Amino acid sequence: MGYSGYVVIARTGDTGLDELACIEDLFVSVTENVRAGGWRIGFLGPVDDTSLDGLAKDLALETSAPAIALSVLDSDCAFATAADPTGGAVEFYLNEEVLLTLVDDDIFEPLNAKALPGLLAWAGRAGLTANRARLAAAIEESPGPFGDGIVALADALGIEDLPD
């Protein structure tokens, strides 16, 4: 079994994710990966009674910066929303191909082909320089048991690791 739960990507500056009201209200323990430019990747674990879209939008509003919320299923795939403070949002998947095998064909809506331009625009609004080819590859990968796919997504969006 792999990781299942929520993951967030947000620019919070020096503020830890668990200090944000929208995260604190979830009563979760956050494991953070601190990135350059005040960005953080937070692994929240299982979260009840909150909407993925709502969490992404709340993070963007509270931080006044674009944010992403992902719901990871057993490290194999994820539903995700990238939101910005103006209310714009882009829905996408990590590993859309696996999700197609898990949900009913009648209700599954492929998102990634339409999401790529939106994610590039999201990165621009965040002041980031995304790599189109790496981003297209990253959204087709699984999140991974140690979050490697999520880190690859962040890297492709232009969210860099801290310098040594």
C-alpha atoms as a PDB file:
ATOM      1  CA  MET A   1       0.000   0.000   0.000  1.00  0.00           C
ATOM      2  CA  GLY A   2       1.204   3.450  -0.849  1.00  0.00           C
ATOM      3  CA  TYR A   3       0.348   6.943   0.305  1.00  0.00           C
ATOM      4  CA  SER A   4      -3.281   8.007   0.277  1.00  0.00           C
ATOM      5  CA  GLY A   5      -4.271  11.469   1.395  1.00  0.00           C
ATOM      6  CA  TYR A   6      -4.109  15.126   0.540  1.00  0.00           C
ATOM      7  CA  VAL A   7      -1.032  16.996  -0.633  1.00  0.00           C
ATOM      8  CA  VAL A   8      -0.795  20.759  -1.061  1.00  0.00           C
ATOM      9  CA  ILE A   9       1.664  22.969  -2.905  1.00  0.00           C
ATOM     10  CA  ALA A  10       1.622  26.600  -1.803  1.00  0.00           C
ATOM     11  CA  ARG A  11       3.824  29.667  -1.470  1.00  0.00           C
ATOM     12  CA  THR A  12       3.679  30.638   2.190  1.00  0.00           C
ATOM     13  CA  GLY A  13       6.985  32.447   2.683  1.00  0.00           C
ATOM     14  CA  ASP A  14       8.280  31.772   6.189  1.00  0.00           C
ATOM     15  CA  THR A  15       4.896  30.538   7.423  1.00  0.00           C
ATOM     16  CA  GLY A  16       4.572  26.791   7.891  1.00  0.00           C
ATOM     17  CA  LEU A  17       1.593  25.141   6.216  1.00  0.00           C
ATOM     18  CA  ASP A  18       0.252  23.976   9.578  1.00  0.00           C
ATOM     19  CA  GLU A  19       0.084  27.646  10.660  1.00  0.00           C
ATOM     20  CA  LEU A  20      -2.454  28.493   7.940  1.00  0.00           C
ATOM     21  CA  ALA A  21      -6.072  28.593   9.106  1.00  0.00           C
ATOM     22  CA  CYS A  22      -7.336  26.520   6.177  1.00  0.00           C
ATOM     23  CA  ILE A  23      -4.876  23.724   7.065  1.00  0.00           C
ATOM     24  CA  GLU A  24      -5.137  24.102  10.831  1.00  0.00           C
ATOM     25  CA  ASP A  25      -8.934  23.649  10.570  1.00  0.00           C
ATOM     26  CA  LEU A  26      -8.365  20.164   9.091  1.00  0.00           C
ATOM     27  CA  PHE A  27      -6.765  18.869  12.325  1.00  0.00           C
ATOM     28  CA  VAL A  28      -3.968  17.071  10.464  1.00  0.00           C
ATOM     29  CA  SER A  29      -0.259  16.639  10.984  1.00  0.00           C
ATOM     30  CA  VAL A  30       1.676  18.165   8.073  1.00  0.00           C
ATOM     31  CA  THR A  31       4.941  16.807   6.707  1.00  0.00           C
ATOM     32  CA  GLU A  32       6.573  19.597   4.710  1.00  0.00           C
ATOM     33  CA  ASN A  33       9.091  19.801   1.903  1.00  0.00           C
ATOM     34  CA  VAL A  34      10.369  23.395   1.871  1.00  0.00           C
ATOM     35  CA  ARG A  35      11.282  24.701  -1.587  1.00  0.00           C
ATOM     36  CA  ALA A  36      12.898  27.870  -2.942  1.00  0.00           C
ATOM     37  CA  GLY A  37      10.976  31.137  -3.095  1.00  0.00           C
ATOM     38  CA  GLY A  38       8.814  30.401  -0.046  1.00  0.00           C
ATOM     39  CA  TRP A  39       7.081  27.415  -1.673  1.00  0.00           C
ATOM     40  CA  ARG A  40       6.168  24.336   0.345  1.00  0.00           C
ATOM     41  CA  ILE A  41       4.861  20.882  -0.488  1.00  0.00           C
ATOM     42  CA  GLY A  42       2.789  19.505   2.383  1.00  0.00           C
ATOM     43  CA  PHE A  43       1.663  15.926   2.891  1.00  0.00           C
ATOM     44  CA  LEU A  44      -1.479  16.098   5.034  1.00  0.00           C
ATOM     45  CA  GLY A  45      -2.575  12.473   5.135  1.00  0.00           C
ATOM     46  CA  PRO A  46      -6.235  11.470   4.917  1.00  0.00           C
ATOM     47  CA  VAL A  47      -8.648  14.387   5.212  1.00  0.00           C
ATOM     48  CA  ASP A  48     -12.371  14.068   5.863  1.00  0.00           C
ATOM     49  CA  ASP A  49     -15.143  16.486   5.014  1.00  0.00           C
ATOM     50  CA  THR A  50     -13.280  18.944   2.826  1.00  0.00           C
ATOM     51  CA  SER A  51     -13.459  19.534  -0.884  1.00  0.00           C
ATOM     52  CA  LEU A  52     -10.299  19.438  -2.948  1.00  0.00           C
ATOM     53  CA  ASP A  53     -11.384  22.471  -4.972  1.00  0.00           C
ATOM     54  CA  GLY A  54     -12.324  24.329  -1.798  1.00  0.00           C
ATOM     55  CA  LEU A  55      -8.971  23.601  -0.177  1.00  0.00           C
ATOM     56  CA  ALA A  56      -7.026  24.814  -3.232  1.00  0.00           C
ATOM     57  CA  LYS A  57      -9.097  28.000  -3.407  1.00  0.00           C
ATOM     58  CA  ASP A  58      -8.843  28.600   0.360  1.00  0.00           C
ATOM     59  CA  LEU A  59      -5.059  28.181   0.218  1.00  0.00           C
ATOM     60  CA  ALA A  60      -4.809  30.619  -2.691  1.00  0.00           C
ATOM     61  CA  LEU A  61      -6.947  33.188  -0.884  1.00  0.00           C
ATOM     62  CA  GLU A  62      -5.185  32.860   2.455  1.00  0.00           C
ATOM     63  CA  THR A  63      -1.684  33.036   0.961  1.00  0.00           C
ATOM     64  CA  SER A  64      -2.583  35.522  -1.810  1.00  0.00           C
ATOM     65  CA  ALA A  65      -0.693  33.218  -4.172  1.00  0.00           C
ATOM     66  CA  PRO A  66      -1.610  30.366  -6.503  1.00  0.00           C
ATOM     67  CA  ALA A  67      -1.857  26.960  -4.798  1.00  0.00           C
ATOM     68  CA  ILE A  68      -2.488  23.312  -5.662  1.00  0.00           C
ATOM     69  CA  ALA A  69      -4.362  20.647  -3.716  1.00  0.00           C
ATOM     70  CA  LEU A  70      -4.117  16.972  -4.661  1.00  0.00           C
ATOM     71  CA  SER A  71      -5.992  13.924  -3.439  1.00  0.00           C
ATOM     72  CA  VAL A  72      -3.627  10.960  -3.839  1.00  0.00           C
ATOM     73  CA  LEU A  73      -4.925   7.402  -4.144  1.00  0.00           C
ATOM     74  CA  ASP A  74      -2.489   4.702  -2.973  1.00  0.00           C
ATOM     75  CA  SER A  75       0.513   6.528  -4.536  1.00  0.00           C
ATOM     76  CA  ASP A  76      -0.792   5.537  -7.992  1.00  0.00           C
ATOM     77  CA  CYS A  77      -2.778   8.576  -9.113  1.00  0.00           C
ATOM     78  CA  ALA A  78      -4.308  11.823  -7.928  1.00  0.00           C
ATOM     79  CA  PHE A  79      -7.160  14.215  -8.531  1.00  0.00           C
ATOM     80  CA  ALA A  80      -5.874  17.794  -8.395  1.00  0.00           C
ATOM     81  CA  THR A  81      -6.940  21.434  -8.508  1.00  0.00           C
ATOM     82  CA  ALA A  82      -4.636  24.384  -9.145  1.00  0.00           C
ATOM     83  CA  ALA A  83      -6.262  27.626  -7.982  1.00  0.00           C
ATOM     84  CA  ASP A  84      -5.274  31.266  -7.904  1.00  0.00           C
ATOM     85  CA  PRO A  85      -6.429  34.137  -5.679  1.00  0.00           C
ATOM     86  CA  THR A  86      -8.627  35.615  -8.437  1.00  0.00           C
ATOM     87  CA  GLY A  87     -10.837  32.511  -8.295  1.00  0.00           C
ATOM     88  CA  GLY A  88      -9.451  30.814 -11.392  1.00  0.00           C
ATOM     89  CA  ALA A  89      -8.936  27.073 -11.166  1.00  0.00           C
ATOM     90  CA  VAL A  90      -7.611  24.219 -13.306  1.00  0.00           C
ATOM     91  CA  GLU A  91      -8.530  20.602 -12.582  1.00  0.00           C
ATOM     92  CA  PHE A  92      -6.153  17.848 -13.631  1.00  0.00           C
ATOM     93  CA  TYR A  93      -4.936  14.381 -12.719  1.00  0.00           C
ATOM     94  CA  LEU A  94      -1.638  12.766 -11.958  1.00  0.00           C
ATOM     95  CA  ASN A  95      -1.532   9.522 -13.932  1.00  0.00           C
ATOM     96  CA  GLU A  96      -4.826   9.939 -15.779  1.00  0.00           C
ATOM     97  CA  GLU A  97      -4.402   6.517 -17.410  1.00  0.00           C
ATOM     98  CA  VAL A  98      -4.605   4.700 -14.053  1.00  0.00           C
ATOM     99  CA  LEU A  99      -7.610   6.760 -12.982  1.00  0.00           C
ATOM    100  CA  LEU A 100      -9.416   5.667 -16.128  1.00  0.00           C
ATOM    101  CA  THR A 101      -9.106   2.044 -14.977  1.00  0.00           C
ATOM    102  CA  LEU A 102     -10.447   2.880 -11.497  1.00  0.00           C
ATOM    103  CA  VAL A 103     -13.571   4.861 -12.318  1.00  0.00           C
ATOM    104  CA  ASP A 104     -16.652   4.181 -14.414  1.00  0.00           C
ATOM    105  CA  ASP A 105     -16.054   5.039 -18.079  1.00  0.00           C
ATOM    106  CA  ASP A 106     -19.452   6.721 -18.234  1.00  0.00           C
ATOM    107  CA  ILE A 107     -18.534   9.341 -15.648  1.00  0.00           C
ATOM    108  CA  PHE A 108     -14.795   9.747 -16.281  1.00  0.00           C
ATOM    109  CA  GLU A 109     -13.812  13.002 -17.955  1.00  0.00           C
ATOM    110  CA  PRO A 110     -10.257  13.196 -19.299  1.00  0.00           C
ATOM    111  CA  LEU A 111      -8.783  16.511 -18.165  1.00  0.00           C
ATOM    112  CA  ASN A 112      -5.065  16.562 -18.829  1.00  0.00           C
ATOM    113  CA  ALA A 113      -5.101  17.515 -22.527  1.00  0.00           C
ATOM    114  CA  LYS A 114      -7.129  20.622 -21.648  1.00  0.00           C
ATOM    115  CA  ALA A 115      -5.328  21.212 -18.352  1.00  0.00           C
ATOM    116  CA  LEU A 116      -1.795  21.708 -19.677  1.00  0.00           C
ATOM    117  CA  PRO A 117      -2.378  25.257 -21.029  1.00  0.00           C
ATOM    118  CA  GLY A 118      -4.181  26.153 -17.793  1.00  0.00           C
ATOM    119  CA  LEU A 119      -1.303  24.867 -15.666  1.00  0.00           C
ATOM    120  CA  LEU A 120       1.186  26.857 -17.745  1.00  0.00           C
ATOM    121  CA  ALA A 121      -0.940  29.973 -17.188  1.00  0.00           C
ATOM    122  CA  TRP A 122      -1.208  29.121 -13.456  1.00  0.00           C
ATOM    123  CA  ALA A 123       2.596  28.979 -13.266  1.00  0.00           C
ATOM    124  CA  GLY A 124       2.835  32.354 -15.006  1.00  0.00           C
ATOM    125  CA  ARG A 125       0.408  33.917 -12.510  1.00  0.00           C
ATOM    126  CA  ALA A 126       2.587  32.478  -9.751  1.00  0.00           C
ATOM    127  CA  GLY A 127       5.655  34.175 -11.243  1.00  0.00           C
ATOM    128  CA  LEU A 128       7.141  30.814 -12.218  1.00  0.00           C
ATOM    129  CA  THR A 129       8.656  29.602 -15.461  1.00  0.00           C
ATOM    130  CA  ALA A 130       7.204  26.189 -16.210  1.00  0.00           C
ATOM    131  CA  ASN A 131       8.769  23.699 -18.605  1.00  0.00           C
ATOM    132  CA  ARG A 132       5.980  22.586 -20.988  1.00  0.00           C
ATOM    133  CA  ALA A 133       7.513  19.213 -21.916  1.00  0.00           C
ATOM    134  CA  ARG A 134       8.425  18.319 -18.326  1.00  0.00           C
ATOM    135  CA  LEU A 135       4.969  19.407 -17.126  1.00  0.00           C
ATOM    136  CA  ALA A 136       3.223  17.259 -19.754  1.00  0.00           C
ATOM    137  CA  ALA A 137       5.335  14.292 -18.616  1.00  0.00           C
ATOM    138  CA  ALA A 138       4.853  15.022 -14.900  1.00  0.00           C
ATOM    139  CA  ILE A 139       1.046  14.975 -15.014  1.00  0.00           C
ATOM    140  CA  GLU A 140       1.163  11.538 -16.653  1.00  0.00           C
ATOM    141  CA  GLU A 141       3.310  10.069 -13.862  1.00  0.00           C
ATOM    142  CA  SER A 142       2.114   8.555 -10.590  1.00  0.00           C
ATOM    143  CA  PRO A 143       2.574  10.524  -7.358  1.00  0.00           C
ATOM    144  CA  GLY A 144       4.837   7.720  -6.090  1.00  0.00           C
ATOM    145  CA  PRO A 145       5.126   6.236  -2.604  1.00  0.00           C
ATOM    146  CA  PHE A 146       7.593   8.922  -1.517  1.00  0.00           C
ATOM    147  CA  GLY A 147       6.015  11.802  -3.426  1.00  0.00           C
ATOM    148  CA  ASP A 148       8.587  11.759  -6.234  1.00  0.00           C
ATOM    149  CA  GLY A 149       5.887  12.425  -8.843  1.00  0.00           C
ATOM    150  CA  ILE A 150       4.605  15.404  -6.869  1.00  0.00           C
ATOM    151  CA  VAL A 151       8.123  16.819  -6.551  1.00  0.00           C
ATOM    152  CA  ALA A 152       8.529  16.293 -10.335  1.00  0.00           C
ATOM    153  CA  LEU A 153       5.288  18.252 -10.862  1.00  0.00           C
ATOM    154  CA  ALA A 154       6.567  21.087  -8.664  1.00  0.00           C
ATOM    155  CA  ASP A 155       9.908  21.110 -10.507  1.00  0.00           C
ATOM    156  CA  ALA A 156       8.158  21.179 -13.915  1.00  0.00           C
ATOM    157  CA  LEU A 157       6.032  24.131 -12.743  1.00  0.00           C
ATOM    158  CA  GLY A 158       9.238  26.018 -11.869  1.00  0.00           C
ATOM    159  CA  ILE A 159       9.122  25.485  -8.095  1.00  0.00           C
ATOM    160  CA  GLU A 160      12.763  24.798  -7.407  1.00  0.00           C
ATOM    161  CA  ASP A 161      14.445  22.937  -4.590  1.00  0.00           C
ATOM    162  CA  LEU A 162      16.284  24.981  -1.972  1.00  0.00           C
ATOM    163  CA  PRO A 163      19.854  25.768  -2.985  1.00  0.00           C
ATOM    164  CA  ASP A 164      22.539  23.858  -1.077  1.00  0.00           C
END
